[in-house]
Amino acid sequence: MDVRNFFNDVISQNREGLKACFCDDAVIRWHCSNEQFTADEYIEANCRYPGSWRGDIERIEECGNVTVLAARVYPEDGSGSFHVVSFIGVRDGRISSLDEYWSDDGEAPDWRKELNIGKKIK
């Protein structure tokens, strides 16, 4: 399973490429919105998501049959920015489980700014 190719298929909304990535019985969970999908449902949701997208992989860690991917995803028009952490379970070279946590990027809350602690990562 090439995680970089999978990520590129996700952000380019490549339906055929994504179909080749998943086991028939794969389970996909988007924990932040409390949704669970089959592979076909996930592909449908991903490929119908409005807009055109870009993304950058920030980190990949492998631990046995699970790969952890952290990435930044953003619309081509630059109107937003999101981070995703994906826990990708692999069986026989295909994704058997995918647990994802998506977050809107934004500023630190005012209460933390008022403490005058921390600094921007970039």
N, C-alpha and C. Protein backbone atom coordinates (compact mmCIF):
# COMPACT_ATOMS: atom_id res chain seq x y z
N MET A 1 0.85 -1.17 0.00
CA MET A 1 0.00 0.00 0.00
C MET A 1 0.89 1.23 0.00
N ASP A 2 0.79 2.02 -1.02
CA ASP A 2 1.56 3.26 -1.13
C ASP A 2 0.70 4.40 -0.60
N VAL A 3 0.99 4.85 0.61
CA VAL A 3 0.19 5.89 1.27
C VAL A 3 0.24 7.20 0.50
N ARG A 4 1.36 7.51 -0.10
CA ARG A 4 1.46 8.77 -0.88
C ARG A 4 0.50 8.73 -2.08
N ASN A 5 0.44 7.60 -2.76
CA ASN A 5 -0.50 7.48 -3.89
C ASN A 5 -1.94 7.58 -3.41
N PHE A 6 -2.24 6.94 -2.27
CA PHE A 6 -3.59 7.03 -1.71
C PHE A 6 -3.94 8.49 -1.42
N PHE A 7 -3.04 9.21 -0.76
CA PHE A 7 -3.29 10.62 -0.44
C PHE A 7 -3.53 11.44 -1.71
N ASN A 8 -2.72 11.20 -2.73
CA ASN A 8 -2.91 11.92 -3.99
C ASN A 8 -4.25 11.58 -4.64
N ASP A 9 -4.69 10.33 -4.54
CA ASP A 9 -6.01 9.96 -5.06
C ASP A 9 -7.12 10.64 -4.27
N VAL A 10 -6.93 10.79 -2.97
CA VAL A 10 -7.94 11.48 -2.15
C VAL A 10 -8.07 12.94 -2.58
N ILE A 11 -6.96 13.67 -2.62
CA ILE A 11 -7.08 15.10 -2.91
C ILE A 11 -7.43 15.39 -4.37
N SER A 12 -7.10 14.47 -5.28
CA SER A 12 -7.48 14.67 -6.69
C SER A 12 -8.86 14.08 -6.98
N GLN A 13 -9.48 13.48 -5.96
CA GLN A 13 -10.81 12.88 -6.07
C GLN A 13 -10.86 11.86 -7.21
N ASN A 14 -9.85 11.00 -7.23
CA ASN A 14 -9.68 9.97 -8.25
C ASN A 14 -10.44 8.71 -7.85
N ARG A 15 -11.65 8.61 -8.30
CA ARG A 15 -12.55 7.51 -7.92
C ARG A 15 -11.93 6.14 -8.23
N GLU A 16 -11.42 5.93 -9.42
CA GLU A 16 -10.87 4.62 -9.80
C GLU A 16 -9.62 4.29 -8.99
N GLY A 17 -8.77 5.27 -8.78
CA GLY A 17 -7.59 5.04 -7.96
C GLY A 17 -7.94 4.65 -6.54
N LEU A 18 -8.95 5.32 -5.98
CA LEU A 18 -9.38 5.02 -4.62
C LEU A 18 -9.98 3.61 -4.51
N LYS A 19 -10.75 3.20 -5.50
CA LYS A 19 -11.36 1.86 -5.46
C LYS A 19 -10.29 0.78 -5.33
N ALA A 20 -9.16 0.98 -5.96
CA ALA A 20 -8.09 -0.01 -5.91
C ALA A 20 -7.37 -0.05 -4.56
N CYS A 21 -7.59 0.96 -3.72
CA CYS A 21 -6.88 1.06 -2.45
C CYS A 21 -7.51 0.24 -1.33
N PHE A 22 -8.81 -0.07 -1.43
CA PHE A 22 -9.55 -0.60 -0.29
C PHE A 22 -9.89 -2.09 -0.41
N CYS A 23 -9.87 -2.77 0.74
CA CYS A 23 -10.44 -4.11 0.85
C CYS A 23 -11.96 -3.98 0.70
N ASP A 24 -12.60 -5.05 0.23
CA ASP A 24 -14.05 -5.02 0.05
C ASP A 24 -14.80 -4.75 1.35
N ASP A 25 -14.26 -5.19 2.48
CA ASP A 25 -14.94 -5.04 3.76
C ASP A 25 -14.35 -3.91 4.62
N ALA A 26 -13.66 -2.97 3.99
CA ALA A 26 -13.02 -1.88 4.73
C ALA A 26 -14.06 -1.05 5.50
N VAL A 27 -13.62 -0.55 6.64
CA VAL A 27 -14.45 0.33 7.47
C VAL A 27 -13.71 1.66 7.61
N ILE A 28 -14.43 2.75 7.32
CA ILE A 28 -13.85 4.09 7.39
C ILE A 28 -14.65 4.89 8.41
N ARG A 29 -13.93 5.57 9.31
CA ARG A 29 -14.59 6.38 10.34
C ARG A 29 -14.03 7.79 10.33
N TRP A 30 -14.94 8.77 10.27
CA TRP A 30 -14.60 10.19 10.45
C TRP A 30 -15.08 10.54 11.85
N HIS A 31 -14.19 10.49 12.80
CA HIS A 31 -14.55 10.64 14.20
C HIS A 31 -15.09 12.02 14.55
N CYS A 32 -14.57 13.08 13.95
CA CYS A 32 -14.99 14.44 14.31
C CYS A 32 -16.45 14.71 13.94
N SER A 33 -16.98 14.01 12.94
CA SER A 33 -18.38 14.19 12.55
C SER A 33 -19.23 12.95 12.86
N ASN A 34 -18.64 11.98 13.58
CA ASN A 34 -19.34 10.78 14.02
C ASN A 34 -19.99 10.02 12.86
N GLU A 35 -19.19 9.74 11.81
CA GLU A 35 -19.68 9.03 10.64
C GLU A 35 -18.83 7.79 10.38
N GLN A 36 -19.49 6.73 9.94
CA GLN A 36 -18.81 5.51 9.52
C GLN A 36 -19.28 5.15 8.13
N PHE A 37 -18.34 4.74 7.28
CA PHE A 37 -18.62 4.47 5.88
C PHE A 37 -18.07 3.11 5.46
N THR A 38 -18.69 2.54 4.44
CA THR A 38 -18.07 1.46 3.68
C THR A 38 -17.07 2.14 2.73
N ALA A 39 -16.26 1.34 2.06
CA ALA A 39 -15.32 1.92 1.10
C ALA A 39 -16.06 2.67 -0.01
N ASP A 40 -17.13 2.08 -0.55
CA ASP A 40 -17.88 2.75 -1.62
C ASP A 40 -18.50 4.06 -1.14
N GLU A 41 -19.03 4.07 0.10
CA GLU A 41 -19.62 5.31 0.63
C GLU A 41 -18.54 6.37 0.84
N TYR A 42 -17.38 5.97 1.34
CA TYR A 42 -16.28 6.90 1.55
C TYR A 42 -15.84 7.51 0.21
N ILE A 43 -15.70 6.67 -0.79
CA ILE A 43 -15.29 7.16 -2.10
C ILE A 43 -16.32 8.14 -2.65
N GLU A 44 -17.60 7.82 -2.49
CA GLU A 44 -18.66 8.71 -2.95
C GLU A 44 -18.59 10.06 -2.23
N ALA A 45 -18.45 10.03 -0.90
CA ALA A 45 -18.37 11.27 -0.13
C ALA A 45 -17.14 12.08 -0.53
N ASN A 46 -16.00 11.42 -0.68
CA ASN A 46 -14.77 12.11 -1.04
C ASN A 46 -14.85 12.72 -2.44
N CYS A 47 -15.35 11.96 -3.39
CA CYS A 47 -15.34 12.41 -4.78
C CYS A 47 -16.43 13.46 -5.06
N ARG A 48 -17.46 13.51 -4.23
CA ARG A 48 -18.50 14.53 -4.38
C ARG A 48 -18.25 15.77 -3.53
N TYR A 49 -17.20 15.74 -2.71
CA TYR A 49 -16.92 16.89 -1.86
C TYR A 49 -16.67 18.09 -2.77
N PRO A 50 -17.35 19.21 -2.51
CA PRO A 50 -17.25 20.36 -3.41
C PRO A 50 -15.83 20.93 -3.51
N GLY A 51 -15.50 21.42 -4.67
CA GLY A 51 -14.24 22.13 -4.87
C GLY A 51 -13.14 21.26 -5.42
N SER A 52 -12.02 21.92 -5.71
CA SER A 52 -10.79 21.27 -6.15
C SER A 52 -9.77 21.47 -5.05
N TRP A 53 -8.94 20.44 -4.82
CA TRP A 53 -8.13 20.41 -3.62
C TRP A 53 -6.64 20.21 -3.90
N ARG A 54 -5.86 20.65 -2.97
CA ARG A 54 -4.41 20.43 -2.94
C ARG A 54 -4.08 19.90 -1.55
N GLY A 55 -2.88 19.39 -1.38
CA GLY A 55 -2.50 18.93 -0.06
C GLY A 55 -1.01 18.64 0.03
N ASP A 56 -0.54 18.64 1.26
CA ASP A 56 0.86 18.37 1.55
C ASP A 56 0.93 17.37 2.69
N ILE A 57 1.64 16.29 2.47
CA ILE A 57 1.89 15.33 3.55
C ILE A 57 2.95 15.93 4.46
N GLU A 58 2.64 15.96 5.75
CA GLU A 58 3.59 16.51 6.71
C GLU A 58 4.37 15.43 7.45
N ARG A 59 3.75 14.24 7.57
CA ARG A 59 4.44 13.18 8.30
C ARG A 59 3.78 11.84 8.00
N ILE A 60 4.60 10.81 7.93
CA ILE A 60 4.13 9.43 7.79
C ILE A 60 4.91 8.58 8.79
N GLU A 61 4.18 7.81 9.59
CA GLU A 61 4.80 6.89 10.55
C GLU A 61 4.18 5.52 10.35
N GLU A 62 5.01 4.49 10.34
CA GLU A 62 4.51 3.13 10.19
C GLU A 62 4.75 2.35 11.48
N CYS A 63 3.73 1.59 11.87
CA CYS A 63 3.81 0.77 13.07
C CYS A 63 3.07 -0.53 12.79
N GLY A 64 3.81 -1.55 12.41
CA GLY A 64 3.17 -2.82 12.06
C GLY A 64 2.29 -2.67 10.83
N ASN A 65 1.02 -3.06 10.97
CA ASN A 65 0.11 -2.97 9.82
C ASN A 65 -0.71 -1.68 9.83
N VAL A 66 -0.27 -0.69 10.62
CA VAL A 66 -0.95 0.62 10.65
C VAL A 66 0.04 1.70 10.25
N THR A 67 -0.42 2.56 9.34
CA THR A 67 0.36 3.72 8.94
C THR A 67 -0.39 4.96 9.40
N VAL A 68 0.33 5.90 10.02
CA VAL A 68 -0.25 7.16 10.45
C VAL A 68 0.22 8.24 9.49
N LEU A 69 -0.73 8.97 8.94
CA LEU A 69 -0.44 10.05 8.00
C LEU A 69 -0.98 11.35 8.57
N ALA A 70 -0.17 12.38 8.60
CA ALA A 70 -0.61 13.72 8.98
C ALA A 70 -0.41 14.61 7.77
N ALA A 71 -1.44 15.38 7.41
CA ALA A 71 -1.36 16.19 6.20
C ALA A 71 -2.16 17.48 6.35
N ARG A 72 -1.82 18.43 5.52
CA ARG A 72 -2.59 19.67 5.37
C ARG A 72 -3.30 19.59 4.03
N VAL A 73 -4.59 19.91 4.02
CA VAL A 73 -5.41 19.89 2.81
C VAL A 73 -6.07 21.25 2.69
N TYR A 74 -6.12 21.78 1.45
CA TYR A 74 -6.69 23.12 1.26
C TYR A 74 -7.29 23.23 -0.13
N PRO A 75 -8.34 24.05 -0.26
CA PRO A 75 -8.92 24.26 -1.59
C PRO A 75 -7.94 25.01 -2.49
N GLU A 76 -8.02 24.73 -3.78
CA GLU A 76 -7.13 25.39 -4.74
C GLU A 76 -7.21 26.90 -4.67
N ASP A 77 -8.39 27.44 -4.33
CA ASP A 77 -8.55 28.89 -4.28
C ASP A 77 -8.00 29.51 -3.01
N GLY A 78 -7.46 28.70 -2.10
CA GLY A 78 -6.84 29.21 -0.89
C GLY A 78 -7.82 29.73 0.15
N SER A 79 -9.10 29.39 0.02
CA SER A 79 -10.13 29.93 0.90
C SER A 79 -10.18 29.27 2.28
N GLY A 80 -9.39 28.25 2.51
CA GLY A 80 -9.40 27.58 3.80
C GLY A 80 -8.19 26.70 3.95
N SER A 81 -8.13 26.02 5.08
CA SER A 81 -7.03 25.11 5.35
C SER A 81 -7.49 24.13 6.42
N PHE A 82 -7.11 22.88 6.25
CA PHE A 82 -7.50 21.81 7.17
C PHE A 82 -6.30 20.93 7.44
N HIS A 83 -6.32 20.29 8.58
CA HIS A 83 -5.34 19.25 8.88
C HIS A 83 -6.09 17.95 9.12
N VAL A 84 -5.49 16.87 8.68
CA VAL A 84 -6.07 15.55 8.88
C VAL A 84 -4.99 14.62 9.42
N VAL A 85 -5.39 13.79 10.36
CA VAL A 85 -4.55 12.69 10.82
C VAL A 85 -5.32 11.42 10.51
N SER A 86 -4.68 10.53 9.76
CA SER A 86 -5.30 9.29 9.32
C SER A 86 -4.54 8.10 9.87
N PHE A 87 -5.28 7.17 10.48
CA PHE A 87 -4.73 5.90 10.92
C PHE A 87 -5.19 4.86 9.90
N ILE A 88 -4.27 4.36 9.11
CA ILE A 88 -4.58 3.51 7.97
C ILE A 88 -4.18 2.07 8.28
N GLY A 89 -5.19 1.21 8.47
CA GLY A 89 -4.94 -0.20 8.68
C GLY A 89 -4.85 -0.91 7.35
N VAL A 90 -3.85 -1.76 7.19
CA VAL A 90 -3.61 -2.42 5.91
C VAL A 90 -3.64 -3.93 6.10
N ARG A 91 -4.30 -4.60 5.14
CA ARG A 91 -4.35 -6.06 5.09
C ARG A 91 -4.15 -6.47 3.63
N ASP A 92 -3.22 -7.34 3.40
CA ASP A 92 -2.95 -7.84 2.05
C ASP A 92 -2.72 -6.70 1.05
N GLY A 93 -2.04 -5.66 1.49
CA GLY A 93 -1.67 -4.56 0.60
C GLY A 93 -2.77 -3.56 0.31
N ARG A 94 -3.92 -3.68 0.98
CA ARG A 94 -5.03 -2.75 0.75
C ARG A 94 -5.55 -2.22 2.09
N ILE A 95 -6.24 -1.11 2.06
CA ILE A 95 -6.75 -0.49 3.29
C ILE A 95 -7.92 -1.31 3.82
N SER A 96 -7.81 -1.75 5.07
CA SER A 96 -8.88 -2.49 5.72
C SER A 96 -9.64 -1.61 6.72
N SER A 97 -8.96 -0.60 7.23
CA SER A 97 -9.61 0.36 8.13
C SER A 97 -8.95 1.72 7.97
N LEU A 98 -9.77 2.75 8.14
CA LEU A 98 -9.27 4.12 8.02
C LEU A 98 -10.00 4.95 9.06
N ASP A 99 -9.25 5.44 10.04
CA ASP A 99 -9.80 6.31 11.07
C ASP A 99 -9.19 7.69 10.89
N GLU A 100 -10.06 8.68 10.60
CA GLU A 100 -9.56 10.02 10.28
C GLU A 100 -10.12 11.06 11.24
N TYR A 101 -9.26 12.03 11.52
CA TYR A 101 -9.60 13.17 12.38
C TYR A 101 -9.28 14.44 11.59
N TRP A 102 -10.32 15.19 11.22
CA TRP A 102 -10.19 16.40 10.43
C TRP A 102 -10.41 17.62 11.31
N SER A 103 -9.64 18.67 11.05
CA SER A 103 -9.78 19.90 11.82
C SER A 103 -9.59 21.11 10.90
N ASP A 104 -10.43 22.12 11.12
CA ASP A 104 -10.22 23.41 10.45
C ASP A 104 -9.00 24.07 11.08
N ASP A 105 -8.15 24.65 10.25
CA ASP A 105 -7.02 25.41 10.77
C ASP A 105 -7.52 26.79 11.18
N GLY A 106 -6.92 27.35 12.19
CA GLY A 106 -7.32 28.68 12.64
C GLY A 106 -6.35 29.24 13.67
N GLU A 107 -6.73 30.37 14.20
CA GLU A 107 -5.93 31.06 15.20
C GLU A 107 -6.15 30.44 16.59
N ALA A 108 -5.19 30.64 17.45
CA ALA A 108 -5.35 30.25 18.85
C ALA A 108 -6.49 31.07 19.45
N PRO A 109 -7.20 30.51 20.43
CA PRO A 109 -8.29 31.26 21.05
C PRO A 109 -7.76 32.47 21.84
N ASP A 110 -8.61 33.48 21.98
CA ASP A 110 -8.21 34.72 22.65
C ASP A 110 -7.69 34.47 24.06
N TRP A 111 -8.31 33.55 24.80
CA TRP A 111 -7.88 33.34 26.18
C TRP A 111 -6.43 32.89 26.25
N ARG A 112 -5.99 32.10 25.25
CA ARG A 112 -4.60 31.67 25.25
C ARG A 112 -3.69 32.78 24.78
N LYS A 113 -4.13 33.57 23.81
CA LYS A 113 -3.33 34.72 23.36
C LYS A 113 -3.09 35.68 24.52
N GLU A 114 -4.12 35.88 25.35
CA GLU A 114 -4.01 36.79 26.50
C GLU A 114 -2.98 36.31 27.51
N LEU A 115 -2.73 35.02 27.58
CA LEU A 115 -1.70 34.49 28.48
C LEU A 115 -0.29 34.77 27.96
N ASN A 116 -0.21 35.16 26.69
CA ASN A 116 1.08 35.47 26.06
C ASN A 116 2.05 34.29 26.16
N ILE A 117 1.52 33.10 25.83
CA ILE A 117 2.35 31.90 25.82
C ILE A 117 2.31 31.28 24.43
N GLY A 118 3.31 30.49 24.12
CA GLY A 118 3.36 29.81 22.83
C GLY A 118 3.74 30.76 21.71
N LYS A 119 3.96 30.16 20.54
CA LYS A 119 4.27 30.94 19.35
C LYS A 119 3.78 30.14 18.14
N LYS A 120 3.68 30.79 17.01
CA LYS A 120 3.25 30.13 15.78
C LYS A 120 4.26 29.08 15.37
N ILE A 121 3.77 27.98 14.83
CA ILE A 121 4.65 26.90 14.37
C ILE A 121 5.45 27.36 13.16
N LYS A 122 4.79 28.02 12.24
CA LYS A 122 5.46 28.51 11.02
C LYS A 122 5.33 30.00 10.93
